[in-house]
Amino acid sequence: MALIAATVLGAAVVSGFASSRPVDPARRAEAPAPVPRPPIEVVQALPELTEALDRVSRGERGFSGAVLVARGDQVLFRQVYGMADHAADRPLALDSKFRLASVSKQFTAAAILKLQDEGVLSVYDPLCKWIQPCPAAWKPIRLHHLLAHTSGVPDLMARPAWGLQRVTPATVADLTEASKQYRLQFPPGSKVRYDNAGYNLLGAMVERASGVSLATYLQRTFFTPLGMKDTGSDADGKARDLVTGYAHFPGGLTPQNDANVSIVFAAGALYSTLDDMLIWERALHHGRVVSRRSYAQMTADHAPDSTPKERGRVRRDWGFGLFANSLGRQVRPAFEDRQIYHTGSWSGFRNLVTYQPDADVTVIVLSNNYHQRDQVFLIAEQAMAEALGRPFPTTLAR
């Protein structure tokens, strides 16, 4: 009952707030509409990538996953390698549904920004405007701190008993109350630290502001209008026909069946396919998801100026649900093109979705093997390099 009351109260507050702030038509995003889908068929118009993938997909530890490369709306490469389910002897298909893991964060960020475009909220709102009762320590936190991982709210994995929490289903209310129990790790805005818990709080705010679940809001606002027919949330554990995730352990390749994405409902619970993700990338980066103003906020760097380099390399830009960096510097031969991207890793999956805006190139690599991080990264950068006409990378920079 308390959760129902909170939802009703949030919806009531939003109703009054929205009516007092009419939407500026110039700030609206182009209305989402179904995007024409190219035929879902094998395309291998990148010969160097084709040869590399044919080679690395062989053997017991070979690459298992799906790869799509597009320049604009033209698909340059689409192929899958390996098995969707070894026990059922089911190979991967071009339309297989993969868990997106943290690639999901950009959808939660887009939901917040869409509500901003509609005048319902602002990324400069205090967190305590939307979460009540609110701990005193949270009073300095603004929504943009959560979006950019600068809030100081401790991540789920930085808390005691993470191993037990990882496998224990949780509700949105459970996750919010759990976050209230811990002091901040640093003053909001003073540092940046990757934070799944912060995105769960953003998901709770979407629900209070919209009056519906996050899954329903994403479906109504983005997935259905854009024609993303094979994308959704598995936060309730009811999704079917998803690819099985695996990991390489000393005992061999092991299925990771206990995903329990309820505990990352707004930070990593979505699933999708290669072509649905291409639709999303085309819509997001071409003004059909959020307004120009909100997209600029989404792709800006919000990390403090004092943020150090990462492992000796130039640090990434911390956007809202997205990062930006010259990822090609991490392969050899290197290339400099700046990319907007996000990775994902959870319960047997490793993903990288990246976009090069100057050449309008999209690369999507979805793997159902948790221990193929390096392969996924190298494949993505090989795909990007060949699509851009750069020298083809053969190794990671160490």
Foldseek 3Di string as FASTA:
>chain_A
DVLLVLLVVLQVLLVVQLVVDAFDVQQFFAAFAADDFDDLDFAAQQVVLVVVQVVQLDDQNRFFFWKWKDQQRRTRGTDGGADLDVVVPHRDDQWAKAFQFQLLQVLLLLLVQNCVNSRRDDQQQQLPVRDPPADPLRRVDGNQLLQLQQQQQDALVVDPPSVVVQLDADALVRLVVVSRVDHGRDHGLPFHDDHLSSQSSSQSSSCSSVVHHSQVSSCVRPCVRHVQPFKTFCLVVPDPRHGWAWEQDPVGIGTQPRQNCVNSRRRTGMMGGPRSVVSVVSCLVPRNRGGPVSSCQQAAASGDPPHDDDPPHRHWRRGRSWIKALLQVFFPVRDRQIKIWDWRATRRKTWIWIARPVSGMTMTIIGRYRPCNQVRSLSRSQSVCSVVVHPRTDGTHD
